[in-house]
Amino acid sequence: QKGKLNNDIERALVWSRLQLLDRMKDPARSEAYVRKLAGSGIPAWQVEYLYPWIKDGKDVEQRMKLATLVRPAVKDQPEMDRRFAMLIIEDLLVKKDATGANEQARAFLKQYPKSGDAWRLVARSSEAVNQPFEADRAWNVITDKAVPTMTTWWEGMLSRARIRTQSNRPDEACPLLKQLLKQQQYVPADFKDEFNAARGSARCATAQAAN
């Protein structure tokens, strides 16, 4: 590290250090390194290494801690700010902290009102805090802007159908199921089981929904 380092050497040093920290399995040391980076401002090229390194961490608590440290340092990098916000909210959901996830998801949506990811996280966290109407509404924002050939459309429509089926007015799921049945040739492989479950659990499953 004598003298001025060129960009390639700086990149190699950062990447190597992250790999070594992984192998050392020393959370305190990893946190100290990330805290130091965050304290001095993190250039975009470093964040390109840092984000996947944090995201791929297996320890949820450690992952959240590091993401929370980094996010204030990337506030002038909107794309990375959104990614770290999503990572934190998704981990809150993993931890079953539905209230915390919902609060942060709504703050995320307020900051990025046109973000489909923000609406998706508001939908998921609203359902987790037993606010089905708000969850249905948020998913509706997403499905209105998507088409049946998109995975997002299926995620949203199936979520809305499930929410309505489990409500005190399950018949309201029928119009959604009709749309799903009409587009079933596009159902992604990952959603086939959920699609079949929705078709089987809805009160209007075959007769009314198929019309």
N, C-alpha and C. Protein backbone atom coordinates (compact mmCIF):
# COMPACT_ATOMS: atom_id res chain seq x y z
N GLN A 1 0.83 -1.20 0.00
CA GLN A 1 0.00 0.00 0.00
C GLN A 1 0.86 1.26 0.00
N LYS A 2 2.10 1.14 -0.47
CA LYS A 2 2.97 2.30 -0.53
C LYS A 2 2.61 3.15 -1.73
N GLY A 3 2.58 4.46 -1.50
CA GLY A 3 2.30 5.36 -2.60
C GLY A 3 0.84 5.37 -2.98
N LYS A 4 0.54 6.01 -4.09
CA LYS A 4 -0.85 6.13 -4.55
C LYS A 4 -1.26 4.84 -5.25
N LEU A 5 -2.40 4.30 -4.88
CA LEU A 5 -2.91 3.07 -5.48
C LEU A 5 -3.75 3.40 -6.71
N ASN A 6 -3.57 2.62 -7.76
CA ASN A 6 -4.46 2.84 -8.90
C ASN A 6 -5.80 2.16 -8.63
N ASN A 7 -6.77 2.43 -9.49
CA ASN A 7 -8.14 1.93 -9.26
C ASN A 7 -8.22 0.42 -9.20
N ASP A 8 -7.46 -0.25 -10.07
CA ASP A 8 -7.51 -1.72 -10.10
C ASP A 8 -7.02 -2.31 -8.78
N ILE A 9 -5.95 -1.72 -8.23
CA ILE A 9 -5.41 -2.23 -6.97
C ILE A 9 -6.39 -1.96 -5.82
N GLU A 10 -7.01 -0.79 -5.82
CA GLU A 10 -7.98 -0.47 -4.77
C GLU A 10 -9.15 -1.44 -4.82
N ARG A 11 -9.63 -1.73 -6.01
CA ARG A 11 -10.74 -2.68 -6.15
C ARG A 11 -10.34 -4.07 -5.66
N ALA A 12 -9.13 -4.48 -6.03
CA ALA A 12 -8.65 -5.80 -5.61
C ALA A 12 -8.52 -5.89 -4.10
N LEU A 13 -8.06 -4.81 -3.47
CA LEU A 13 -7.89 -4.81 -2.01
C LEU A 13 -9.24 -4.92 -1.30
N VAL A 14 -10.23 -4.16 -1.77
CA VAL A 14 -11.55 -4.20 -1.15
C VAL A 14 -12.18 -5.58 -1.33
N TRP A 15 -12.15 -6.09 -2.56
CA TRP A 15 -12.74 -7.40 -2.83
C TRP A 15 -12.06 -8.48 -1.98
N SER A 16 -10.72 -8.44 -1.92
CA SER A 16 -9.98 -9.45 -1.16
C SER A 16 -10.29 -9.37 0.32
N ARG A 17 -10.39 -8.16 0.84
CA ARG A 17 -10.68 -8.01 2.26
C ARG A 17 -12.04 -8.60 2.61
N LEU A 18 -13.03 -8.37 1.74
CA LEU A 18 -14.37 -8.92 2.00
C LEU A 18 -14.34 -10.44 1.99
N GLN A 19 -13.59 -11.03 1.06
CA GLN A 19 -13.49 -12.49 1.02
C GLN A 19 -12.81 -13.03 2.28
N LEU A 20 -11.76 -12.34 2.73
CA LEU A 20 -11.04 -12.77 3.92
C LEU A 20 -11.91 -12.64 5.18
N LEU A 21 -12.68 -11.57 5.25
CA LEU A 21 -13.58 -11.40 6.39
C LEU A 21 -14.60 -12.53 6.44
N ASP A 22 -15.07 -12.96 5.29
CA ASP A 22 -15.98 -14.10 5.23
C ASP A 22 -15.33 -15.35 5.81
N ARG A 23 -14.10 -15.59 5.43
CA ARG A 23 -13.41 -16.80 5.86
C ARG A 23 -13.07 -16.75 7.35
N MET A 24 -12.83 -15.55 7.87
CA MET A 24 -12.47 -15.41 9.28
C MET A 24 -13.66 -15.65 10.20
N LYS A 25 -14.87 -15.42 9.67
CA LYS A 25 -16.10 -15.61 10.46
C LYS A 25 -16.02 -14.86 11.79
N ASP A 26 -15.67 -13.58 11.68
CA ASP A 26 -15.54 -12.71 12.85
C ASP A 26 -16.50 -11.54 12.66
N PRO A 27 -17.75 -11.65 13.14
CA PRO A 27 -18.75 -10.60 12.92
C PRO A 27 -18.30 -9.23 13.41
N ALA A 28 -17.62 -9.18 14.54
CA ALA A 28 -17.19 -7.89 15.09
C ALA A 28 -16.21 -7.20 14.14
N ARG A 29 -15.31 -7.98 13.57
CA ARG A 29 -14.33 -7.40 12.65
C ARG A 29 -15.00 -6.94 11.36
N SER A 30 -15.93 -7.72 10.87
CA SER A 30 -16.68 -7.34 9.67
C SER A 30 -17.44 -6.05 9.91
N GLU A 31 -18.10 -5.96 11.07
CA GLU A 31 -18.86 -4.76 11.40
C GLU A 31 -17.94 -3.54 11.52
N ALA A 32 -16.77 -3.72 12.12
CA ALA A 32 -15.83 -2.61 12.27
C ALA A 32 -15.38 -2.11 10.91
N TYR A 33 -15.13 -3.02 9.97
CA TYR A 33 -14.69 -2.63 8.63
C TYR A 33 -15.78 -1.86 7.90
N VAL A 34 -17.01 -2.39 7.95
CA VAL A 34 -18.12 -1.73 7.27
C VAL A 34 -18.42 -0.38 7.90
N ARG A 35 -18.32 -0.30 9.22
CA ARG A 35 -18.55 0.96 9.92
C ARG A 35 -17.52 2.02 9.47
N LYS A 36 -16.29 1.58 9.32
CA LYS A 36 -15.23 2.49 8.87
C LYS A 36 -15.52 2.99 7.46
N LEU A 37 -15.92 2.09 6.57
CA LEU A 37 -16.27 2.49 5.21
C LEU A 37 -17.43 3.48 5.21
N ALA A 38 -18.48 3.15 5.98
CA ALA A 38 -19.67 4.00 6.01
C ALA A 38 -19.36 5.38 6.58
N GLY A 39 -18.44 5.43 7.53
CA GLY A 39 -18.12 6.70 8.17
C GLY A 39 -17.40 7.67 7.26
N SER A 40 -16.71 7.14 6.27
CA SER A 40 -15.96 8.02 5.37
C SER A 40 -16.65 8.23 4.02
N GLY A 41 -17.85 7.69 3.88
CA GLY A 41 -18.56 7.79 2.60
C GLY A 41 -18.11 6.68 1.68
N ILE A 42 -19.06 6.00 1.07
CA ILE A 42 -18.72 4.83 0.26
C ILE A 42 -18.94 5.14 -1.22
N PRO A 43 -17.87 5.16 -2.01
CA PRO A 43 -18.05 5.41 -3.45
C PRO A 43 -18.82 4.28 -4.10
N ALA A 44 -19.43 4.60 -5.24
CA ALA A 44 -20.30 3.64 -5.92
C ALA A 44 -19.58 2.34 -6.25
N TRP A 45 -18.32 2.40 -6.65
CA TRP A 45 -17.62 1.17 -7.04
C TRP A 45 -17.42 0.24 -5.85
N GLN A 46 -17.28 0.80 -4.64
CA GLN A 46 -17.15 -0.06 -3.46
C GLN A 46 -18.49 -0.69 -3.10
N VAL A 47 -19.56 0.07 -3.27
CA VAL A 47 -20.88 -0.45 -2.94
C VAL A 47 -21.23 -1.63 -3.85
N GLU A 48 -20.71 -1.62 -5.07
CA GLU A 48 -20.97 -2.72 -6.00
C GLU A 48 -20.45 -4.04 -5.44
N TYR A 49 -19.38 -3.99 -4.65
CA TYR A 49 -18.86 -5.19 -3.99
C TYR A 49 -19.58 -5.43 -2.66
N LEU A 50 -19.84 -4.34 -1.97
CA LEU A 50 -20.35 -4.44 -0.60
C LEU A 50 -21.78 -4.98 -0.56
N TYR A 51 -22.64 -4.52 -1.48
CA TYR A 51 -24.04 -4.94 -1.45
C TYR A 51 -24.21 -6.45 -1.58
N PRO A 52 -23.66 -7.10 -2.62
CA PRO A 52 -23.85 -8.56 -2.70
C PRO A 52 -23.19 -9.30 -1.55
N TRP A 53 -22.08 -8.77 -1.04
CA TRP A 53 -21.41 -9.41 0.10
C TRP A 53 -22.32 -9.43 1.32
N ILE A 54 -22.99 -8.30 1.58
CA ILE A 54 -23.91 -8.23 2.71
C ILE A 54 -25.16 -9.07 2.44
N LYS A 55 -25.72 -8.94 1.25
CA LYS A 55 -26.96 -9.64 0.90
C LYS A 55 -26.80 -11.16 0.99
N ASP A 56 -25.63 -11.66 0.65
CA ASP A 56 -25.41 -13.11 0.65
C ASP A 56 -25.05 -13.66 2.03
N GLY A 57 -24.97 -12.79 3.03
CA GLY A 57 -24.66 -13.26 4.38
C GLY A 57 -25.75 -14.17 4.91
N LYS A 58 -25.37 -15.19 5.67
CA LYS A 58 -26.34 -16.17 6.16
C LYS A 58 -26.99 -15.77 7.47
N ASP A 59 -26.33 -14.93 8.25
CA ASP A 59 -26.84 -14.51 9.55
C ASP A 59 -27.74 -13.28 9.37
N VAL A 60 -29.04 -13.46 9.62
CA VAL A 60 -30.00 -12.39 9.38
C VAL A 60 -29.70 -11.16 10.23
N GLU A 61 -29.39 -11.37 11.50
CA GLU A 61 -29.11 -10.25 12.40
C GLU A 61 -27.90 -9.46 11.91
N GLN A 62 -26.85 -10.16 11.54
CA GLN A 62 -25.64 -9.51 11.05
C GLN A 62 -25.90 -8.78 9.74
N ARG A 63 -26.67 -9.43 8.87
CA ARG A 63 -27.00 -8.83 7.58
C ARG A 63 -27.75 -7.51 7.77
N MET A 64 -28.73 -7.53 8.67
CA MET A 64 -29.50 -6.31 8.94
C MET A 64 -28.63 -5.23 9.54
N LYS A 65 -27.76 -5.62 10.46
CA LYS A 65 -26.90 -4.64 11.11
C LYS A 65 -25.99 -3.94 10.10
N LEU A 66 -25.39 -4.73 9.21
CA LEU A 66 -24.49 -4.16 8.21
C LEU A 66 -25.26 -3.29 7.21
N ALA A 67 -26.42 -3.76 6.78
CA ALA A 67 -27.23 -2.98 5.83
C ALA A 67 -27.67 -1.65 6.44
N THR A 68 -28.01 -1.69 7.73
CA THR A 68 -28.43 -0.47 8.43
C THR A 68 -27.26 0.50 8.57
N LEU A 69 -26.05 -0.02 8.73
CA LEU A 69 -24.86 0.83 8.80
C LEU A 69 -24.59 1.51 7.46
N VAL A 70 -24.76 0.75 6.38
CA VAL A 70 -24.40 1.25 5.06
C VAL A 70 -25.42 2.22 4.48
N ARG A 71 -26.70 1.99 4.74
CA ARG A 71 -27.72 2.75 4.02
C ARG A 71 -27.56 4.27 4.12
N PRO A 72 -27.29 4.85 5.30
CA PRO A 72 -27.12 6.31 5.34
C PRO A 72 -25.97 6.81 4.47
N ALA A 73 -24.98 5.95 4.25
CA ALA A 73 -23.81 6.36 3.48
C ALA A 73 -24.05 6.31 1.97
N VAL A 74 -25.19 5.73 1.54
CA VAL A 74 -25.48 5.65 0.10
C VAL A 74 -26.74 6.43 -0.26
N LYS A 75 -27.13 7.37 0.59
CA LYS A 75 -28.37 8.12 0.34
C LYS A 75 -28.30 8.93 -0.95
N ASP A 76 -27.08 9.24 -1.42
CA ASP A 76 -26.94 9.97 -2.67
C ASP A 76 -26.81 9.04 -3.87
N GLN A 77 -27.02 7.74 -3.63
CA GLN A 77 -27.02 6.73 -4.70
C GLN A 77 -28.38 6.03 -4.67
N PRO A 78 -29.40 6.62 -5.29
CA PRO A 78 -30.78 6.13 -5.15
C PRO A 78 -30.97 4.64 -5.41
N GLU A 79 -30.30 4.10 -6.43
CA GLU A 79 -30.47 2.68 -6.74
C GLU A 79 -29.99 1.81 -5.58
N MET A 80 -28.83 2.14 -5.02
CA MET A 80 -28.30 1.37 -3.90
C MET A 80 -29.10 1.63 -2.62
N ASP A 81 -29.56 2.85 -2.46
CA ASP A 81 -30.39 3.17 -1.30
C ASP A 81 -31.64 2.29 -1.30
N ARG A 82 -32.26 2.14 -2.47
CA ARG A 82 -33.45 1.29 -2.59
C ARG A 82 -33.11 -0.17 -2.28
N ARG A 83 -31.98 -0.63 -2.78
CA ARG A 83 -31.61 -2.04 -2.55
C ARG A 83 -31.39 -2.33 -1.07
N PHE A 84 -30.70 -1.43 -0.39
CA PHE A 84 -30.47 -1.67 1.03
C PHE A 84 -31.76 -1.53 1.84
N ALA A 85 -32.63 -0.61 1.44
CA ALA A 85 -33.93 -0.49 2.11
C ALA A 85 -34.72 -1.77 1.97
N MET A 86 -34.74 -2.32 0.77
CA MET A 86 -35.46 -3.58 0.52
C MET A 86 -34.87 -4.72 1.35
N LEU A 87 -33.55 -4.78 1.40
CA LEU A 87 -32.89 -5.84 2.15
C LEU A 87 -33.27 -5.80 3.63
N ILE A 88 -33.30 -4.60 4.19
CA ILE A 88 -33.65 -4.43 5.60
C ILE A 88 -35.10 -4.85 5.85
N ILE A 89 -36.01 -4.40 5.00
CA ILE A 89 -37.44 -4.72 5.18
C ILE A 89 -37.70 -6.21 5.00
N GLU A 90 -37.08 -6.81 3.99
CA GLU A 90 -37.26 -8.24 3.77
C GLU A 90 -36.73 -9.05 4.95
N ASP A 91 -35.64 -8.59 5.55
CA ASP A 91 -35.09 -9.31 6.71
C ASP A 91 -35.98 -9.12 7.94
N LEU A 92 -36.62 -7.97 8.06
CA LEU A 92 -37.57 -7.78 9.16
C LEU A 92 -38.73 -8.77 9.02
N LEU A 93 -39.15 -9.01 7.79
CA LEU A 93 -40.21 -9.99 7.55
C LEU A 93 -39.73 -11.40 7.88
N VAL A 94 -38.47 -11.70 7.53
CA VAL A 94 -37.89 -13.01 7.86
C VAL A 94 -37.89 -13.20 9.37
N LYS A 95 -37.60 -12.14 10.10
CA LYS A 95 -37.54 -12.19 11.57
C LYS A 95 -38.93 -12.16 12.21
N LYS A 96 -39.96 -12.06 11.39
CA LYS A 96 -41.35 -12.00 11.86
C LYS A 96 -41.63 -10.69 12.61
N ASP A 97 -40.86 -9.66 12.32
CA ASP A 97 -41.12 -8.34 12.89
C ASP A 97 -42.01 -7.59 11.90
N ALA A 98 -43.27 -8.00 11.84
CA ALA A 98 -44.19 -7.46 10.85
C ALA A 98 -44.43 -5.97 11.04
N THR A 99 -44.54 -5.53 12.29
CA THR A 99 -44.79 -4.12 12.56
C THR A 99 -43.63 -3.26 12.08
N GLY A 100 -42.41 -3.69 12.43
CA GLY A 100 -41.24 -2.94 11.99
C GLY A 100 -41.12 -2.92 10.48
N ALA A 101 -41.41 -4.06 9.84
CA ALA A 101 -41.34 -4.15 8.39
C ALA A 101 -42.36 -3.23 7.74
N ASN A 102 -43.57 -3.20 8.30
CA ASN A 102 -44.62 -2.36 7.73
C ASN A 102 -44.29 -0.88 7.88
N GLU A 103 -43.76 -0.50 9.02
CA GLU A 103 -43.38 0.90 9.23
C GLU A 103 -42.30 1.32 8.24
N GLN A 104 -41.29 0.47 8.08
CA GLN A 104 -40.20 0.82 7.17
C GLN A 104 -40.65 0.75 5.71
N ALA A 105 -41.55 -0.17 5.40
CA ALA A 105 -42.05 -0.28 4.03
C ALA A 105 -42.84 0.97 3.64
N ARG A 106 -43.63 1.48 4.58
CA ARG A 106 -44.39 2.70 4.29
C ARG A 106 -43.48 3.92 4.15
N ALA A 107 -42.41 3.96 4.94
CA ALA A 107 -41.44 5.04 4.81
C ALA A 107 -40.71 4.92 3.46
N PHE A 108 -40.43 3.70 3.06
CA PHE A 108 -39.78 3.44 1.77
C PHE A 108 -40.68 3.89 0.63
N LEU A 109 -41.98 3.58 0.73
CA LEU A 109 -42.94 3.98 -0.30
C LEU A 109 -43.06 5.49 -0.38
N LYS A 110 -43.05 6.15 0.78
CA LYS A 110 -43.14 7.61 0.80
C LYS A 110 -41.94 8.23 0.10
N GLN A 111 -40.78 7.60 0.26
CA GLN A 111 -39.56 8.10 -0.36
C GLN A 111 -39.53 7.79 -1.85
N TYR A 112 -40.05 6.61 -2.23
CA TYR A 112 -40.03 6.19 -3.64
C TYR A 112 -41.44 5.76 -4.06
N PRO A 113 -42.36 6.71 -4.22
CA PRO A 113 -43.77 6.37 -4.48
C PRO A 113 -44.02 5.65 -5.80
N LYS A 114 -43.08 5.70 -6.72
CA LYS A 114 -43.27 5.03 -8.01
C LYS A 114 -42.58 3.67 -8.07
N SER A 115 -42.01 3.26 -6.97
CA SER A 115 -41.28 1.99 -6.94
C SER A 115 -42.22 0.81 -6.76
N GLY A 116 -42.19 -0.12 -7.72
CA GLY A 116 -42.99 -1.33 -7.59
C GLY A 116 -42.53 -2.18 -6.42
N ASP A 117 -41.23 -2.16 -6.14
CA ASP A 117 -40.71 -2.92 -4.99
C ASP A 117 -41.25 -2.36 -3.68
N ALA A 118 -41.39 -1.04 -3.60
CA ALA A 118 -41.93 -0.44 -2.39
C ALA A 118 -43.39 -0.85 -2.18
N TRP A 119 -44.17 -0.83 -3.26
CA TRP A 119 -45.58 -1.26 -3.16
C TRP A 119 -45.68 -2.74 -2.78
N ARG A 120 -44.77 -3.56 -3.33
CA ARG A 120 -44.79 -4.99 -3.01
C ARG A 120 -44.49 -5.23 -1.54
N LEU A 121 -43.53 -4.49 -0.99
CA LEU A 121 -43.18 -4.66 0.42
C LEU A 121 -44.27 -4.11 1.34
N VAL A 122 -44.94 -3.05 0.92
CA VAL A 122 -46.08 -2.56 1.69
C VAL A 122 -47.19 -3.62 1.69
N ALA A 123 -47.40 -4.25 0.53
CA ALA A 123 -48.43 -5.29 0.43
C ALA A 123 -48.11 -6.47 1.34
N ARG A 124 -46.89 -6.97 1.25
CA ARG A 124 -46.50 -8.13 2.06
C ARG A 124 -46.55 -7.83 3.56
N SER A 125 -46.04 -6.66 3.94
CA SER A 125 -46.00 -6.33 5.36
C SER A 125 -47.39 -5.99 5.89
N SER A 126 -48.25 -5.41 5.06
CA SER A 126 -49.62 -5.10 5.49
C SER A 126 -50.39 -6.38 5.77
N GLU A 127 -50.19 -7.38 4.92
CA GLU A 127 -50.84 -8.67 5.17
C GLU A 127 -50.30 -9.29 6.46
N ALA A 128 -49.00 -9.11 6.70
CA ALA A 128 -48.38 -9.68 7.90
C ALA A 128 -48.90 -9.04 9.18
N VAL A 129 -49.32 -7.76 9.11
CA VAL A 129 -49.86 -7.09 10.31
C VAL A 129 -51.39 -7.13 10.31
N ASN A 130 -51.95 -8.03 9.50
CA ASN A 130 -53.40 -8.25 9.47
C ASN A 130 -54.16 -7.01 9.01
N GLN A 131 -53.67 -6.42 7.92
CA GLN A 131 -54.37 -5.31 7.28
C GLN A 131 -54.65 -5.72 5.83
N PRO A 132 -55.60 -6.64 5.64
CA PRO A 132 -55.83 -7.21 4.31
C PRO A 132 -56.28 -6.19 3.27
N PHE A 133 -57.09 -5.21 3.68
CA PHE A 133 -57.56 -4.21 2.71
C PHE A 133 -56.38 -3.43 2.15
N GLU A 134 -55.46 -3.00 3.04
CA GLU A 134 -54.30 -2.24 2.60
C GLU A 134 -53.39 -3.10 1.73
N ALA A 135 -53.28 -4.40 2.08
CA ALA A 135 -52.45 -5.31 1.29
C ALA A 135 -53.03 -5.49 -0.11
N ASP A 136 -54.35 -5.70 -0.19
CA ASP A 136 -55.03 -5.87 -1.47
C ASP A 136 -54.85 -4.63 -2.33
N ARG A 137 -55.00 -3.47 -1.71
CA ARG A 137 -54.86 -2.20 -2.44
C ARG A 137 -53.46 -2.05 -3.00
N ALA A 138 -52.44 -2.38 -2.20
CA ALA A 138 -51.06 -2.25 -2.65
C ALA A 138 -50.76 -3.20 -3.79
N TRP A 139 -51.23 -4.46 -3.67
CA TRP A 139 -51.02 -5.40 -4.76
C TRP A 139 -51.75 -4.94 -6.03
N ASN A 140 -52.90 -4.30 -5.86
CA ASN A 140 -53.67 -3.81 -7.00
C ASN A 140 -52.88 -2.77 -7.80
N VAL A 141 -52.14 -1.91 -7.08
CA VAL A 141 -51.30 -0.91 -7.76
C VAL A 141 -50.30 -1.61 -8.67
N ILE A 142 -49.77 -2.73 -8.20
CA ILE A 142 -48.78 -3.47 -8.97
C ILE A 142 -49.42 -4.19 -10.16
N THR A 143 -50.52 -4.91 -9.92
CA THR A 143 -51.14 -5.68 -10.99
C THR A 143 -51.74 -4.80 -12.08
N ASP A 144 -52.16 -3.59 -11.71
CA ASP A 144 -52.70 -2.66 -12.71
C ASP A 144 -51.65 -2.23 -13.72
N LYS A 145 -50.38 -2.28 -13.30
CA LYS A 145 -49.29 -1.82 -14.19
C LYS A 145 -48.53 -2.99 -14.82
N ALA A 146 -48.95 -4.21 -14.51
CA ALA A 146 -48.26 -5.39 -15.05
C ALA A 146 -49.17 -6.12 -16.03
N VAL A 147 -48.62 -7.11 -16.70
CA VAL A 147 -49.39 -7.93 -17.64
C VAL A 147 -49.19 -9.41 -17.29
N PRO A 148 -50.08 -10.29 -17.76
CA PRO A 148 -50.03 -11.71 -17.37
C PRO A 148 -48.75 -12.45 -17.76
N THR A 149 -47.96 -11.89 -18.64
CA THR A 149 -46.70 -12.56 -19.00
C THR A 149 -45.59 -12.21 -18.02
N MET A 150 -45.91 -11.38 -17.03
CA MET A 150 -44.92 -10.97 -16.04
C MET A 150 -45.12 -11.72 -14.72
N THR A 151 -44.03 -12.15 -14.12
CA THR A 151 -44.10 -12.85 -12.82
C THR A 151 -44.76 -11.98 -11.77
N THR A 152 -44.49 -10.68 -11.82
CA THR A 152 -45.06 -9.74 -10.85
C THR A 152 -46.58 -9.77 -10.87
N TRP A 153 -47.16 -9.90 -12.06
CA TRP A 153 -48.63 -9.95 -12.18
C TRP A 153 -49.17 -11.15 -11.43
N TRP A 154 -48.52 -12.30 -11.60
CA TRP A 154 -48.99 -13.52 -10.94
C TRP A 154 -48.82 -13.44 -9.43
N GLU A 155 -47.72 -12.91 -8.99
CA GLU A 155 -47.51 -12.76 -7.55
C GLU A 155 -48.61 -11.89 -6.94
N GLY A 156 -48.88 -10.76 -7.61
CA GLY A 156 -49.88 -9.84 -7.10
C GLY A 156 -51.29 -10.39 -7.16
N MET A 157 -51.67 -10.97 -8.29
CA MET A 157 -53.03 -11.48 -8.45
C MET A 157 -53.30 -12.66 -7.51
N LEU A 158 -52.35 -13.56 -7.38
CA LEU A 158 -52.53 -14.70 -6.48
C LEU A 158 -52.59 -14.25 -5.03
N SER A 159 -51.82 -13.23 -4.69
CA SER A 159 -51.87 -12.70 -3.33
C SER A 159 -53.23 -12.07 -3.05
N ARG A 160 -53.73 -11.31 -4.02
CA ARG A 160 -55.04 -10.68 -3.84
C ARG A 160 -56.14 -11.74 -3.73
N ALA A 161 -56.06 -12.78 -4.55
CA ALA A 161 -57.06 -13.85 -4.49
C ALA A 161 -57.02 -14.55 -3.14
N ARG A 162 -55.83 -14.81 -2.63
CA ARG A 162 -55.70 -15.46 -1.32
C ARG A 162 -56.26 -14.59 -0.21
N ILE A 163 -55.94 -13.31 -0.25
CA ILE A 163 -56.42 -12.38 0.78
C ILE A 163 -57.94 -12.33 0.79
N ARG A 164 -58.53 -12.25 -0.39
CA ARG A 164 -60.00 -12.16 -0.46
C ARG A 164 -60.66 -13.48 -0.07
N THR A 165 -60.06 -14.59 -0.47
CA THR A 165 -60.62 -15.90 -0.12
C THR A 165 -60.67 -16.09 1.40
N GLN A 166 -59.66 -15.55 2.09
CA GLN A 166 -59.57 -15.70 3.54
C GLN A 166 -60.33 -14.62 4.31
N SER A 167 -60.95 -13.70 3.58
CA SER A 167 -61.69 -12.62 4.24
C SER A 167 -63.10 -13.07 4.59
N ASN A 168 -63.90 -12.14 5.15
CA ASN A 168 -65.28 -12.49 5.47
C ASN A 168 -66.21 -12.33 4.25
N ARG A 169 -65.61 -11.99 3.11
CA ARG A 169 -66.39 -11.93 1.86
C ARG A 169 -65.60 -12.65 0.76
N PRO A 170 -65.48 -13.96 0.88
CA PRO A 170 -64.65 -14.73 -0.06
C PRO A 170 -65.12 -14.67 -1.50
N ASP A 171 -66.40 -14.33 -1.71
CA ASP A 171 -66.91 -14.25 -3.08
C ASP A 171 -66.20 -13.17 -3.89
N GLU A 172 -65.57 -12.20 -3.19
CA GLU A 172 -64.87 -11.12 -3.90
C GLU A 172 -63.61 -11.62 -4.59
N ALA A 173 -63.21 -12.86 -4.29
CA ALA A 173 -62.05 -13.44 -4.97
C ALA A 173 -62.42 -13.94 -6.36
N CYS A 174 -63.70 -14.14 -6.62
CA CYS A 174 -64.14 -14.76 -7.87
C CYS A 174 -63.72 -13.99 -9.13
N PRO A 175 -63.91 -12.66 -9.18
CA PRO A 175 -63.48 -11.94 -10.38
C PRO A 175 -61.98 -12.08 -10.64
N LEU A 176 -61.20 -12.12 -9.58
CA LEU A 176 -59.76 -12.28 -9.74
C LEU A 176 -59.43 -13.67 -10.26
N LEU A 177 -60.11 -14.68 -9.73
CA LEU A 177 -59.85 -16.05 -10.17
C LEU A 177 -60.24 -16.23 -11.63
N LYS A 178 -61.29 -15.56 -12.07
CA LYS A 178 -61.68 -15.62 -13.47
C LYS A 178 -60.54 -15.12 -14.36
N GLN A 179 -59.94 -14.00 -13.94
CA GLN A 179 -58.82 -13.46 -14.72
C GLN A 179 -57.64 -14.42 -14.73
N LEU A 180 -57.37 -15.03 -13.59
CA LEU A 180 -56.26 -15.98 -13.50
C LEU A 180 -56.48 -17.19 -14.41
N LEU A 181 -57.72 -17.69 -14.41
CA LEU A 181 -58.03 -18.86 -15.23
C LEU A 181 -57.91 -18.54 -16.72
N LYS A 182 -58.28 -17.33 -17.10
CA LYS A 182 -58.18 -16.94 -18.51
C LYS A 182 -56.73 -16.84 -18.97
N GLN A 183 -55.84 -16.57 -18.02
CA GLN A 183 -54.43 -16.38 -18.38
C GLN A 183 -53.55 -17.54 -17.92
N GLN A 184 -54.15 -18.68 -17.60
CA GLN A 184 -53.39 -19.75 -16.96
C GLN A 184 -52.26 -20.32 -17.83
N GLN A 185 -52.32 -20.08 -19.15
CA GLN A 185 -51.23 -20.57 -20.00
C GLN A 185 -49.92 -19.84 -19.71
N TYR A 186 -50.00 -18.69 -19.00
CA TYR A 186 -48.80 -17.91 -18.70
C TYR A 186 -48.29 -18.11 -17.27
N VAL A 187 -48.95 -18.95 -16.52
CA VAL A 187 -48.56 -19.09 -15.11
C VAL A 187 -47.10 -19.58 -15.01
N PRO A 188 -46.24 -18.85 -14.28
CA PRO A 188 -44.84 -19.27 -14.14
C PRO A 188 -44.76 -20.57 -13.33
N ALA A 189 -43.74 -21.34 -13.59
CA ALA A 189 -43.57 -22.63 -12.91
C ALA A 189 -43.55 -22.46 -11.39
N ASP A 190 -42.93 -21.39 -10.92
CA ASP A 190 -42.83 -21.17 -9.47
C ASP A 190 -44.18 -20.89 -8.81
N PHE A 191 -45.17 -20.53 -9.61
CA PHE A 191 -46.47 -20.17 -9.04
C PHE A 191 -47.57 -21.20 -9.34
N LYS A 192 -47.21 -22.31 -9.97
CA LYS A 192 -48.24 -23.29 -10.35
C LYS A 192 -48.93 -23.89 -9.13
N ASP A 193 -48.17 -24.22 -8.11
CA ASP A 193 -48.77 -24.79 -6.91
C ASP A 193 -49.71 -23.79 -6.24
N GLU A 194 -49.29 -22.54 -6.17
CA GLU A 194 -50.13 -21.51 -5.56
C GLU A 194 -51.38 -21.27 -6.39
N PHE A 195 -51.23 -21.32 -7.71
CA PHE A 195 -52.37 -21.15 -8.60
C PHE A 195 -53.38 -22.27 -8.39
N ASN A 196 -52.91 -23.51 -8.32
CA ASN A 196 -53.81 -24.64 -8.10
C ASN A 196 -54.48 -24.57 -6.74
N ALA A 197 -53.73 -24.09 -5.74
CA ALA A 197 -54.30 -23.94 -4.40
C ALA A 197 -55.40 -22.88 -4.40
N ALA A 198 -55.17 -21.78 -5.11
CA ALA A 198 -56.17 -20.70 -5.18
C ALA A 198 -57.42 -21.20 -5.89
N ARG A 199 -57.23 -21.96 -6.95
CA ARG A 199 -58.37 -22.48 -7.70
C ARG A 199 -59.17 -23.47 -6.86
N GLY A 200 -58.49 -24.20 -6.02
CA GLY A 200 -59.17 -25.20 -5.21
C GLY A 200 -59.84 -24.66 -3.97
N SER A 201 -59.30 -23.54 -3.42
CA SER A 201 -59.83 -23.04 -2.15
C SER A 201 -60.93 -22.00 -2.31
N ALA A 202 -61.01 -21.37 -3.49
CA ALA A 202 -62.03 -20.34 -3.69
C ALA A 202 -63.42 -20.97 -3.73
N ARG A 203 -64.39 -20.30 -3.12
CA ARG A 203 -65.75 -20.81 -3.07
C ARG A 203 -66.36 -20.95 -4.47
N CYS A 204 -65.87 -20.11 -5.40
CA CYS A 204 -66.44 -20.10 -6.74
C CYS A 204 -65.59 -20.93 -7.70
N ALA A 205 -64.76 -21.79 -7.15
CA ALA A 205 -63.66 -22.45 -7.87
C ALA A 205 -63.95 -22.86 -9.30
N THR A 206 -64.94 -23.70 -9.55
CA THR A 206 -65.09 -24.22 -10.91
C THR A 206 -66.22 -23.57 -11.70
N ALA A 207 -67.40 -23.62 -11.15
CA ALA A 207 -68.57 -23.16 -11.91
C ALA A 207 -68.54 -21.66 -12.18
N GLN A 208 -68.57 -20.86 -11.12
CA GLN A 208 -68.70 -19.42 -11.31
C GLN A 208 -67.42 -18.84 -11.89
N ALA A 209 -66.25 -19.27 -11.40
CA ALA A 209 -65.00 -18.66 -11.83
C ALA A 209 -64.64 -19.00 -13.27
N ALA A 210 -65.06 -20.15 -13.73
CA ALA A 210 -64.67 -20.55 -15.07
C ALA A 210 -65.49 -19.87 -16.16
N ASN A 211 -66.60 -19.25 -15.81
CA ASN A 211 -67.47 -18.62 -16.80
C ASN A 211 -66.83 -17.36 -17.35
